[in-house]
C-alpha atoms as a PDB file:
ATOM      1  CA  UNK A   1      27.737   6.143 -66.466  1.00  0.00           C
ATOM      2  CA  UNK A   2      25.131   3.414 -66.085  1.00  0.00           C
ATOM      3  CA  UNK A   3      27.073   1.225 -68.485  1.00  0.00           C
ATOM      4  CA  UNK A   4      30.309   1.948 -66.943  1.00  0.00           C
ATOM      5  CA  UNK A   5      29.504   0.640 -63.715  1.00  0.00           C
ATOM      6  CA  UNK A   6      27.110  -1.589 -64.672  1.00  0.00           C
ATOM      7  CA  UNK A   7      30.555  -3.542 -66.968  1.00  0.00           C
ATOM      8  CA  UNK A   8      32.636  -2.570 -64.144  1.00  0.00           C
ATOM      9  CA  UNK A   9      30.346  -4.966 -61.986  1.00  0.00           C
ATOM     10  CA  UNK A  10      30.011  -7.155 -64.999  1.00  0.00           C
ATOM     11  CA  UNK A  11      33.960  -7.809 -64.877  1.00  0.00           C
ATOM     12  CA  UNK A  12      34.902  -7.870 -60.944  1.00  0.00           C
ATOM     13  CA  UNK A  13      31.686 -10.464 -60.434  1.00  0.00           C
ATOM     14  CA  UNK A  14      33.400 -12.898 -63.270  1.00  0.00           C
ATOM     15  CA  UNK A  15      36.654 -12.354 -61.906  1.00  0.00           C
ATOM     16  CA  UNK A  16      35.700 -13.374 -58.077  1.00  0.00           C
ATOM     17  CA  UNK A  17      33.769 -16.919 -60.096  1.00  0.00           C
ATOM     18  CA  UNK A  18      37.258 -17.789 -61.541  1.00  0.00           C
ATOM     19  CA  UNK A  19      39.215 -17.110 -58.416  1.00  0.00           C
ATOM     20  CA  UNK A  20      40.947 -14.286 -60.069  1.00  0.00           C
ATOM     21  CA  UNK A  21      39.724 -11.887 -56.996  1.00  0.00           C
ATOM     22  CA  UNK A  22      38.358 -12.766 -53.591  1.00  0.00           C
ATOM     23  CA  UNK A  23      35.041 -12.891 -52.663  1.00  0.00           C
ATOM     24  CA  UNK A  24      35.362 -10.450 -50.036  1.00  0.00           C
ATOM     25  CA  UNK A  25      37.104  -7.985 -52.572  1.00  0.00           C
ATOM     26  CA  UNK A  26      34.495  -8.446 -55.263  1.00  0.00           C
ATOM     27  CA  UNK A  27      31.403  -8.286 -53.239  1.00  0.00           C
ATOM     28  CA  UNK A  28      32.881  -5.074 -51.585  1.00  0.00           C
ATOM     29  CA  UNK A  29      33.579  -3.791 -54.887  1.00  0.00           C
ATOM     30  CA  UNK A  30      30.782  -4.565 -56.196  1.00  0.00           C
ATOM     31  CA  UNK A  31      28.382  -3.241 -53.938  1.00  0.00           C
ATOM     32  CA  UNK A  32      30.851   0.562 -53.903  1.00  0.00           C
ATOM     33  CA  UNK A  33      29.341   0.163 -57.062  1.00  0.00           C
ATOM     34  CA  UNK A  34      26.171  -0.633 -57.041  1.00  0.00           C
ATOM     35  CA  UNK A  35      25.680   1.787 -54.244  1.00  0.00           C
ATOM     36  CA  UNK A  36      26.287   5.226 -56.442  1.00  0.00           C
ATOM     37  CA  UNK A  37      23.698   4.688 -59.196  1.00  0.00           C
ATOM     38  CA  UNK A  38      23.649   1.050 -60.128  1.00  0.00           C
ATOM     39  CA  UNK A  39      21.616  -1.910 -58.108  1.00  0.00           C
ATOM     40  CA  UNK A  40      22.917  -5.088 -58.130  1.00  0.00           C
ATOM     41  CA  UNK A  41      20.047  -7.366 -57.968  1.00  0.00           C
ATOM     42  CA  UNK A  42      19.192 -10.881 -57.319  1.00  0.00           C
ATOM     43  CA  UNK A  43      17.492 -12.880 -60.445  1.00  0.00           C
ATOM     44  CA  UNK A  44      14.407 -14.511 -59.530  1.00  0.00           C
ATOM     45  CA  UNK A  45      14.766 -17.707 -58.093  1.00  0.00           C
ATOM     46  CA  UNK A  46      18.309 -17.788 -57.449  1.00  0.00           C
ATOM     47  CA  UNK A  47      19.895 -17.709 -54.200  1.00  0.00           C
ATOM     48  CA  UNK A  48      22.542 -15.188 -52.807  1.00  0.00           C
ATOM     49  CA  UNK A  49      25.939 -15.765 -51.573  1.00  0.00           C
ATOM     50  CA  UNK A  50      29.143 -16.921 -52.640  1.00  0.00           C
ATOM     51  CA  UNK A  51      30.744 -16.259 -55.830  1.00  0.00           C
ATOM     52  CA  UNK A  52      28.825 -14.722 -58.576  1.00  0.00           C
ATOM     53  CA  UNK A  53      28.234 -14.998 -62.556  1.00  0.00           C
ATOM     54  CA  UNK A  54      26.573 -12.294 -64.218  1.00  0.00           C
ATOM     55  CA  UNK A  55      24.304 -13.511 -66.696  1.00  0.00           C
ATOM     56  CA  UNK A  56      22.224 -11.026 -67.224  1.00  0.00           C
ATOM     57  CA  UNK A  57      22.353  -7.161 -67.694  1.00  0.00           C
ATOM     58  CA  UNK A  58      19.541  -4.340 -68.464  1.00  0.00           C
ATOM     59  CA  UNK A  59      20.510  -0.297 -68.493  1.00  0.00           C
ATOM     60  CA  UNK A  60      21.171   0.094 -64.596  1.00  0.00           C
ATOM     61  CA  UNK A  61      20.314  -3.350 -63.339  1.00  0.00           C
ATOM     62  CA  UNK A  62      22.644  -6.884 -63.563  1.00  0.00           C
ATOM     63  CA  UNK A  63      21.290  -9.301 -62.456  1.00  0.00           C
ATOM     64  CA  UNK A  64      23.791 -12.491 -61.029  1.00  0.00           C
ATOM     65  CA  UNK A  65      23.275 -16.005 -59.694  1.00  0.00           C
ATOM     66  CA  UNK A  66      25.660 -18.120 -57.267  1.00  0.00           C
ATOM     67  CA  UNK A  67      28.193 -20.119 -58.860  1.00  0.00           C
ATOM     68  CA  UNK A  68      27.347 -22.683 -56.006  1.00  0.00           C
ATOM     69  CA  UNK A  69      23.713 -23.064 -57.759  1.00  0.00           C
ATOM     70  CA  UNK A  70      25.258 -24.059 -60.981  1.00  0.00           C
ATOM     71  CA  UNK A  71      27.107 -26.696 -59.785  1.00  0.00           C
ATOM     72  CA  UNK A  72      23.714 -28.081 -57.692  1.00  0.00           C
ATOM     73  CA  UNK A  73      22.148 -29.404 -61.194  1.00  0.00           C
ATOM     74  CA  UNK A  74      25.328 -31.882 -61.562  1.00  0.00           C
ATOM     75  CA  UNK A  75      25.039 -32.688 -58.062  1.00  0.00           C
ATOM     76  CA  UNK A  76      21.617 -33.729 -58.330  1.00  0.00           C
ATOM     77  CA  UNK A  77      22.302 -35.697 -61.762  1.00  0.00           C
ATOM     78  CA  UNK A  78      24.733 -37.621 -59.626  1.00  0.00           C
ATOM     79  CA  UNK A  79      22.819 -38.250 -57.105  1.00  0.00           C
ATOM     80  CA  UNK A  80      20.087 -39.435 -59.340  1.00  0.00           C
ATOM     81  CA  UNK A  81      22.461 -41.916 -60.653  1.00  0.00           C
ATOM     82  CA  UNK A  82      23.788 -43.314 -57.224  1.00  0.00           C
ATOM     83  CA  UNK A  83      20.360 -43.869 -56.103  1.00  0.00           C
ATOM     84  CA  UNK A  84      19.676 -45.644 -59.687  1.00  0.00           C
ATOM     85  CA  UNK A  85      22.632 -47.900 -59.309  1.00  0.00           C
ATOM     86  CA  UNK A  86      21.775 -48.769 -55.348  1.00  0.00           C
ATOM     87  CA  UNK A  87      18.335 -49.700 -56.275  1.00  0.00           C
ATOM     88  CA  UNK A  88      19.358 -52.144 -59.213  1.00  0.00           C
ATOM     89  CA  UNK A  89      18.360 -50.550 -62.340  1.00  0.00           C
ATOM     90  CA  UNK A  90      20.503 -50.300 -65.520  1.00  0.00           C
ATOM     91  CA  UNK A  91      21.746 -52.615 -68.179  1.00  0.00           C
ATOM     92  CA  UNK A  92      24.578 -55.331 -67.864  1.00  0.00           C
ATOM     93  CA  UNK A  93      26.371 -57.911 -69.913  1.00  0.00           C
ATOM     94  CA  UNK A  94      28.994 -59.657 -70.691  1.00  0.00           C
ATOM     95  CA  UNK A  95      30.742 -62.977 -72.351  1.00  0.00           C
ATOM     96  CA  UNK A  96      31.168 -65.962 -70.221  1.00  0.00           C
ATOM     97  CA  UNK A  97      33.905 -69.355 -70.715  1.00  0.00           C
ATOM     98  CA  UNK A  98      32.266 -72.568 -69.135  1.00  0.00           C
ATOM     99  CA  UNK A  99      33.532 -76.140 -67.945  1.00  0.00           C
ATOM    100  CA  UNK A 100      31.002 -78.736 -68.339  1.00  0.00           C
ATOM    101  CA  UNK A 101      30.147 -82.094 -67.465  1.00  0.00           C
ATOM    102  CA  UNK A 102      27.913 -83.174 -70.377  1.00  0.00           C
ATOM    103  CA  UNK A 103      25.294 -86.219 -70.465  1.00  0.00           C
ATOM    104  CA  UNK A 104      26.712 -88.221 -73.811  1.00  0.00           C
ATOM    105  CA  UNK A 105      24.297 -91.184 -73.279  1.00  0.00           C
ATOM    106  CA  UNK A 106      22.001 -90.082 -76.145  1.00  0.00           C
ATOM    107  CA  UNK A 107      25.201 -90.409 -78.082  1.00  0.00           C
ATOM    108  CA  UNK A 108      26.325 -93.320 -76.724  1.00  0.00           C
ATOM    109  CA  UNK A 109      22.925 -94.952 -77.987  1.00  0.00           C
ATOM    110  CA  UNK A 110      23.144 -93.524 -81.186  1.00  0.00           C
ATOM    111  CA  UNK A 111      26.427 -95.212 -82.081  1.00  0.00           C
ATOM    112  CA  UNK A 112      25.300 -98.205 -80.683  1.00  0.00           C
ATOM    113  CA  UNK A 113      21.823 -98.112 -82.746  1.00  0.00           C
ATOM    114  CA  UNK A 114      21.880 -96.243 -85.823  1.00  0.00           C
ATOM    115  CA  UNK A 115      23.443 -98.029 -88.823  1.00  0.00           C
ATOM    116  CA  UNK A 116      25.771 -95.087 -90.339  1.00  0.00           C
ATOM    117  CA  UNK A 117      27.872 -95.453 -86.397  1.00  0.00           C
ATOM    118  CA  UNK A 118      27.299 -99.277 -85.804  1.00  0.00           C
ATOM    119  CA  UNK A 119      30.386-101.775 -85.553  1.00  0.00           C
ATOM    120  CA  UNK A 120      32.120 -98.887 -85.134  1.00  0.00           C
ATOM    121  CA  UNK A 121      34.102 -98.398 -81.279  1.00  0.00           C
ATOM    122  CA  UNK A 122      34.553 -94.804 -80.207  1.00  0.00           C
ATOM    123  CA  UNK A 123      36.977 -93.520 -77.395  1.00  0.00           C
ATOM    124  CA  UNK A 124      34.607 -92.390 -74.765  1.00  0.00           C
ATOM    125  CA  UNK A 125      35.276 -92.214 -71.312  1.00  0.00           C
ATOM    126  CA  UNK A 126      33.569 -95.371 -69.235  1.00  0.00           C
ATOM    127  CA  UNK A 127      30.944 -92.909 -67.472  1.00  0.00           C
ATOM    128  CA  UNK A 128      28.224 -91.279 -69.127  1.00  0.00           C
ATOM    129  CA  UNK A 129      29.835 -87.581 -68.146  1.00  0.00           C
ATOM    130  CA  UNK A 130      31.989 -86.066 -70.675  1.00  0.00           C
ATOM    131  CA  UNK A 131      33.911 -82.670 -69.962  1.00  0.00           C
ATOM    132  CA  UNK A 132      33.085 -80.272 -72.746  1.00  0.00           C
ATOM    133  CA  UNK A 133      34.710 -76.349 -72.760  1.00  0.00           C
ATOM    134  CA  UNK A 134      32.277 -74.019 -73.664  1.00  0.00           C
ATOM    135  CA  UNK A 135      32.039 -70.264 -74.536  1.00  0.00           C
ATOM    136  CA  UNK A 136      28.451 -67.860 -74.788  1.00  0.00           C
ATOM    137  CA  UNK A 137      27.038 -64.862 -73.256  1.00  0.00           C
ATOM    138  CA  UNK A 138      24.523 -62.908 -71.696  1.00  0.00           C
ATOM    139  CA  UNK A 139      22.849 -59.920 -71.133  1.00  0.00           C
ATOM    140  CA  UNK A 140      20.273 -58.193 -68.395  1.00  0.00           C
ATOM    141  CA  UNK A 141      18.295 -55.214 -67.555  1.00  0.00           C
ATOM    142  CA  UNK A 142      18.073 -54.046 -63.928  1.00  0.00           C
ATOM    143  CA  UNK A 143      13.967 -53.653 -62.796  1.00  0.00           C
ATOM    144  CA  UNK A 144      14.909 -52.236 -59.207  1.00  0.00           C
ATOM    145  CA  UNK A 145      15.457 -54.400 -55.826  1.00  0.00           C
ATOM    146  CA  UNK A 146      18.229 -56.543 -57.294  1.00  0.00           C
ATOM    147  CA  UNK A 147      16.053 -58.593 -59.596  1.00  0.00           C
ATOM    148  CA  UNK A 148      16.985 -58.507 -63.170  1.00  0.00           C
ATOM    149  CA  UNK A 149      15.568 -60.161 -66.464  1.00  0.00           C
ATOM    150  CA  UNK A 150      17.674 -60.623 -69.820  1.00  0.00           C
ATOM    151  CA  UNK A 151      18.730 -63.096 -72.105  1.00  0.00           C
ATOM    152  CA  UNK A 152      21.808 -65.503 -72.686  1.00  0.00           C
ATOM    153  CA  UNK A 153      23.146 -68.917 -73.663  1.00  0.00           C
ATOM    154  CA  UNK A 154      26.452 -71.153 -73.840  1.00  0.00           C
ATOM    155  CA  UNK A 155      27.740 -73.176 -77.363  1.00  0.00           C
ATOM    156  CA  UNK A 156      30.077 -76.334 -76.347  1.00  0.00           C
ATOM    157  CA  UNK A 157      31.709 -78.911 -78.307  1.00  0.00           C
ATOM    158  CA  UNK A 158      34.066 -81.952 -78.230  1.00  0.00           C
ATOM    159  CA  UNK A 159      35.350 -84.361 -81.065  1.00  0.00           C
ATOM    160  CA  UNK A 160      35.540 -88.624 -80.378  1.00  0.00           C
ATOM    161  CA  UNK A 161      37.665 -90.399 -82.818  1.00  0.00           C
ATOM    162  CA  UNK A 162      36.958 -94.221 -83.753  1.00  0.00           C
ATOM    163  CA  UNK A 163      39.392 -97.070 -84.003  1.00  0.00           C
ATOM    164  CA  UNK A 164      40.830 -97.997 -87.137  1.00  0.00           C
ATOM    165  CA  UNK A 165      37.926 -99.820 -89.773  1.00  0.00           C
ATOM    166  CA  UNK A 166      38.437-101.479 -92.936  1.00  0.00           C
ATOM    167  CA  UNK A 167      41.868-101.127 -93.106  1.00  0.00           C
ATOM    168  CA  UNK A 168      43.013 -97.408 -91.985  1.00  0.00           C
ATOM    169  CA  UNK A 169      39.738 -96.177 -92.431  1.00  0.00           C
ATOM    170  CA  UNK A 170      38.677 -93.797 -88.823  1.00  0.00           C
ATOM    171  CA  UNK A 171      35.700 -91.850 -88.181  1.00  0.00           C
ATOM    172  CA  UNK A 172      35.424 -88.282 -86.542  1.00  0.00           C
ATOM    173  CA  UNK A 173      32.184 -87.287 -84.790  1.00  0.00           C
ATOM    174  CA  UNK A 174      32.152 -83.553 -83.043  1.00  0.00           C
ATOM    175  CA  UNK A 175      29.360 -83.481 -80.744  1.00  0.00           C
ATOM    176  CA  UNK A 176      27.711 -79.585 -80.567  1.00  0.00           C
ATOM    177  CA  UNK A 177      25.356 -78.634 -77.260  1.00  0.00           C
ATOM    178  CA  UNK A 178      24.200 -75.212 -77.365  1.00  0.00           C
ATOM    179  CA  UNK A 179      21.090 -73.644 -75.279  1.00  0.00           C
ATOM    180  CA  UNK A 180      20.110 -70.464 -74.286  1.00  0.00           C
ATOM    181  CA  UNK A 181      16.839 -68.540 -73.826  1.00  0.00           C
ATOM    182  CA  UNK A 182      15.169 -66.339 -70.981  1.00  0.00           C
ATOM    183  CA  UNK A 183      16.843 -65.316 -67.660  1.00  0.00           C
ATOM    184  CA  UNK A 184      15.580 -64.188 -64.565  1.00  0.00           C
ATOM    185  CA  UNK A 185      17.809 -63.599 -61.993  1.00  0.00           C
ATOM    186  CA  UNK A 186      17.731 -62.095 -57.964  1.00  0.00           C
ATOM    187  CA  UNK A 187      20.968 -60.553 -56.592  1.00  0.00           C
ATOM    188  CA  UNK A 188      22.002 -59.574 -53.397  1.00  0.00           C
ATOM    189  CA  UNK A 189      24.638 -56.859 -53.059  1.00  0.00           C
ATOM    190  CA  UNK A 190      27.138 -56.997 -49.732  1.00  0.00           C
ATOM    191  CA  UNK A 191      29.960 -53.801 -50.284  1.00  0.00           C
ATOM    192  CA  UNK A 192      31.626 -54.648 -53.677  1.00  0.00           C
ATOM    193  CA  UNK A 193      30.142 -58.288 -53.728  1.00  0.00           C
ATOM    194  CA  UNK A 194      27.246 -59.542 -55.637  1.00  0.00           C
ATOM    195  CA  UNK A 195      25.511 -63.177 -54.580  1.00  0.00           C
ATOM    196  CA  UNK A 196      22.657 -64.245 -57.501  1.00  0.00           C
ATOM    197  CA  UNK A 197      20.345 -66.999 -57.993  1.00  0.00           C
ATOM    198  CA  UNK A 198      18.526 -67.229 -60.904  1.00  0.00           C
ATOM    199  CA  UNK A 199      17.790 -69.174 -63.705  1.00  0.00           C
ATOM    200  CA  UNK A 200      17.674 -69.659 -68.023  1.00  0.00           C
ATOM    201  CA  UNK A 201      14.594 -70.977 -69.416  1.00  0.00           C
ATOM    202  CA  UNK A 202      14.325 -72.049 -73.368  1.00  0.00           C
ATOM    203  CA  UNK A 203      15.834 -74.713 -75.533  1.00  0.00           C
ATOM    204  CA  UNK A 204      18.597 -75.737 -77.447  1.00  0.00           C
ATOM    205  CA  UNK A 205      19.843 -78.672 -79.859  1.00  0.00           C
ATOM    206  CA  UNK A 206      22.811 -81.493 -79.850  1.00  0.00           C
ATOM    207  CA  UNK A 207      24.103 -81.870 -82.978  1.00  0.00           C
ATOM    208  CA  UNK A 208      26.566 -84.865 -84.063  1.00  0.00           C
ATOM    209  CA  UNK A 209      28.799 -83.924 -87.404  1.00  0.00           C
ATOM    210  CA  UNK A 210      30.808 -86.770 -88.402  1.00  0.00           C
ATOM    211  CA  UNK A 211      33.601 -87.075 -91.052  1.00  0.00           C
ATOM    212  CA  UNK A 212      35.380 -89.843 -92.812  1.00  0.00           C
ATOM    213  CA  UNK A 213      39.390 -89.608 -92.890  1.00  0.00           C
ATOM    214  CA  UNK A 214      42.194 -92.238 -93.203  1.00  0.00           C
ATOM    215  CA  UNK A 215      44.777 -92.742 -90.653  1.00  0.00           C
ATOM    216  CA  UNK A 216      47.709 -90.394 -90.523  1.00  0.00           C
ATOM    217  CA  UNK A 217      46.129 -88.058 -92.781  1.00  0.00           C
ATOM    218  CA  UNK A 218      44.928 -84.508 -91.896  1.00  0.00           C
ATOM    219  CA  UNK A 219      42.084 -84.013 -93.873  1.00  0.00           C
ATOM    220  CA  UNK A 220      38.439 -85.690 -92.827  1.00  0.00           C
ATOM    221  CA  UNK A 221      35.086 -85.297 -94.880  1.00  0.00           C
ATOM    222  CA  UNK A 222      33.168 -86.528 -97.399  1.00  0.00           C
ATOM    223  CA  UNK A 223      31.173 -83.721 -99.674  1.00  0.00           C
ATOM    224  CA  UNK A 224      28.889 -86.546-100.944  1.00  0.00           C
ATOM    225  CA  UNK A 225      27.876 -88.016 -97.597  1.00  0.00           C
ATOM    226  CA  UNK A 226      24.868 -86.179 -95.254  1.00  0.00           C
ATOM    227  CA  UNK A 227      26.885 -86.256 -91.651  1.00  0.00           C
ATOM    228  CA  UNK A 228      25.418 -84.451 -89.519  1.00  0.00           C
ATOM    229  CA  UNK A 229      22.323 -85.695 -86.629  1.00  0.00           C
ATOM    230  CA  UNK A 230      20.679 -83.140 -84.717  1.00  0.00           C
ATOM    231  CA  UNK A 231      18.238 -83.592 -82.017  1.00  0.00           C
ATOM    232  CA  UNK A 232      16.286 -80.474 -80.488  1.00  0.00           C
ATOM    233  CA  UNK A 233      15.604 -80.142 -76.825  1.00  0.00           C
ATOM    234  CA  UNK A 234      13.383 -78.152 -73.764  1.00  0.00           C
ATOM    235  CA  UNK A 235      16.306 -76.635 -71.302  1.00  0.00           C
ATOM    236  CA  UNK A 236      16.280 -75.162 -68.277  1.00  0.00           C
ATOM    237  CA  UNK A 237      19.127 -73.938 -66.517  1.00  0.00           C
ATOM    238  CA  UNK A 238      19.499 -72.734 -62.389  1.00  0.00           C
ATOM    239  CA  UNK A 239      22.272 -71.508 -61.236  1.00  0.00           C
ATOM    240  CA  UNK A 240      23.964 -69.343 -58.715  1.00  0.00           C
ATOM    241  CA  UNK A 241      26.810 -67.430 -58.149  1.00  0.00           C
ATOM    242  CA  UNK A 242      29.138 -64.141 -56.932  1.00  0.00           C
ATOM    243  CA  UNK A 243      31.068 -61.539 -58.724  1.00  0.00           C
ATOM    244  CA  UNK A 244      33.254 -58.869 -57.479  1.00  0.00           C
ATOM    245  CA  UNK A 245      33.151 -55.301 -58.535  1.00  0.00           C
ATOM    246  CA  UNK A 246      36.536 -54.055 -59.439  1.00  0.00           C
ATOM    247  CA  UNK A 247      34.754 -50.870 -60.652  1.00  0.00           C
ATOM    248  CA  UNK A 248      31.204 -49.565 -61.031  1.00  0.00           C
ATOM    249  CA  UNK A 249      30.508 -50.615 -64.950  1.00  0.00           C
ATOM    250  CA  UNK A 250      33.658 -53.388 -64.790  1.00  0.00           C
ATOM    251  CA  UNK A 251      32.696 -57.491 -62.782  1.00  0.00           C
ATOM    252  CA  UNK A 252      34.074 -60.232 -62.726  1.00  0.00           C
ATOM    253  CA  UNK A 253      32.126 -63.247 -61.458  1.00  0.00           C
ATOM    254  CA  UNK A 254      31.800 -66.884 -61.364  1.00  0.00           C
ATOM    255  CA  UNK A 255      28.600 -69.459 -61.491  1.00  0.00           C
ATOM    256  CA  UNK A 256      27.378 -73.239 -60.819  1.00  0.00           C
ATOM    257  CA  UNK A 257      25.071 -74.312 -62.681  1.00  0.00           C
ATOM    258  CA  UNK A 258      22.865 -77.141 -63.802  1.00  0.00           C
ATOM    259  CA  UNK A 259      21.541 -77.149 -67.302  1.00  0.00           C
ATOM    260  CA  UNK A 260      18.322 -79.415 -67.775  1.00  0.00           C
ATOM    261  CA  UNK A 261      17.905 -81.164 -71.247  1.00  0.00           C
ATOM    262  CA  UNK A 262      14.561 -82.653 -72.167  1.00  0.00           C
ATOM    263  CA  UNK A 263      13.732 -83.992 -75.922  1.00  0.00           C
ATOM    264  CA  UNK A 264      10.674 -85.427 -76.635  1.00  0.00           C
ATOM    265  CA  UNK A 265      11.587 -86.650 -80.612  1.00  0.00           C
ATOM    266  CA  UNK A 266      15.701 -87.130 -79.609  1.00  0.00           C
ATOM    267  CA  UNK A 267      17.964 -88.751 -82.442  1.00  0.00           C
ATOM    268  CA  UNK A 268      14.694 -90.078 -84.221  1.00  0.00           C
ATOM    269  CA  UNK A 269      13.901 -92.908 -84.801  1.00  0.00           C
ATOM    270  CA  UNK A 270      17.380 -94.420 -83.421  1.00  0.00           C
ATOM    271  CA  UNK A 271      17.166 -92.742 -80.083  1.00  0.00           C
ATOM    272  CA  UNK A 272      13.303 -91.383 -79.422  1.00  0.00           C
ATOM    273  CA  UNK A 273      13.817 -89.558 -76.526  1.00  0.00           C
ATOM    274  CA  UNK A 274      16.137 -88.019 -73.654  1.00  0.00           C
ATOM    275  CA  UNK A 275      16.587 -86.360 -70.400  1.00  0.00           C
ATOM    276  CA  UNK A 276      19.943 -85.364 -69.060  1.00  0.00           C
ATOM    277  CA  UNK A 277      21.370 -83.062 -66.357  1.00  0.00           C
ATOM    278  CA  UNK A 278      24.521 -81.268 -67.253  1.00  0.00           C
ATOM    279  CA  UNK A 279      26.469 -79.789 -64.727  1.00  0.00           C
ATOM    280  CA  UNK A 280      28.956 -76.770 -64.759  1.00  0.00           C
ATOM    281  CA  UNK A 281      31.023 -73.864 -63.717  1.00  0.00           C
ATOM    282  CA  UNK A 282      31.677 -70.902 -65.852  1.00  0.00           C
ATOM    283  CA  UNK A 283      33.431 -67.404 -65.433  1.00  0.00           C
ATOM    284  CA  UNK A 284      31.782 -64.239 -66.377  1.00  0.00           C
ATOM    285  CA  UNK A 285      33.064 -60.864 -67.390  1.00  0.00           C
ATOM    286  CA  UNK A 286      30.568 -58.227 -66.667  1.00  0.00           C
ATOM    287  CA  UNK A 287      30.193 -55.024 -68.081  1.00  0.00           C
ATOM    288  CA  UNK A 288      27.250 -52.549 -66.999  1.00  0.00           C
ATOM    289  CA  UNK A 289      25.510 -51.853 -63.834  1.00  0.00           C
ATOM    290  CA  UNK A 290      25.147 -54.557 -61.151  1.00  0.00           C
ATOM    291  CA  UNK A 291      23.152 -52.712 -58.213  1.00  0.00           C
END
């Protein structure tokens, strides 16, 4: 009899928990059964009320747990996630695409002085700056209160072609500029907008790769020649930006930056050092928690 009645309570309470039997009907039926010989007791630490789910049955005792208490741990997890999100803890990162005004005075000076390039005329602009398209990436860890640390960098390039020399010969040079380093930034959140300021401190290189060719030919280069010159530099890149959160982990933003390159040895021996400022703008696609 005890087993039959305990089983009856178990079935009725389970049906109640999934909505097949109403709470009032389940409670009254369970009470009627338990009042006879079987006692339905509250498990230690479990709150009464609402739909009940049987978690243990021993002889003449059935232990139950309130269904709402099962939902509470999931709610606690969501609350903690929201708390970390609001405080700016988490990880974010993604690709970036930029357009930069690169100061190419070091390249012009090398073209004037280096014996390999001297006497050849390239189609540079009349100013010190040339537009370079670039691509890069970044990744940061939120450490709270809008502060983030991480790393990132950018690579940009542009090619220039000389005028004809020695009859039908041409020389093309491709200037590669790459830099990267350690990121520190501070952000402020206004609804779905994220406004930030920070900087990248690190280093990079400016490479000049040259290739011979013939006028009207698509083929360039001479494998017997060493056609590369490299200058190393220290870089400092302050920036300001804004982003919009379409979803909690998907954001699109734009930055205005001012990369500064300082080289102490340049393209030795002809360009012993240089200091350039190279303003730019970039579009960022960011995945993760921005706070």
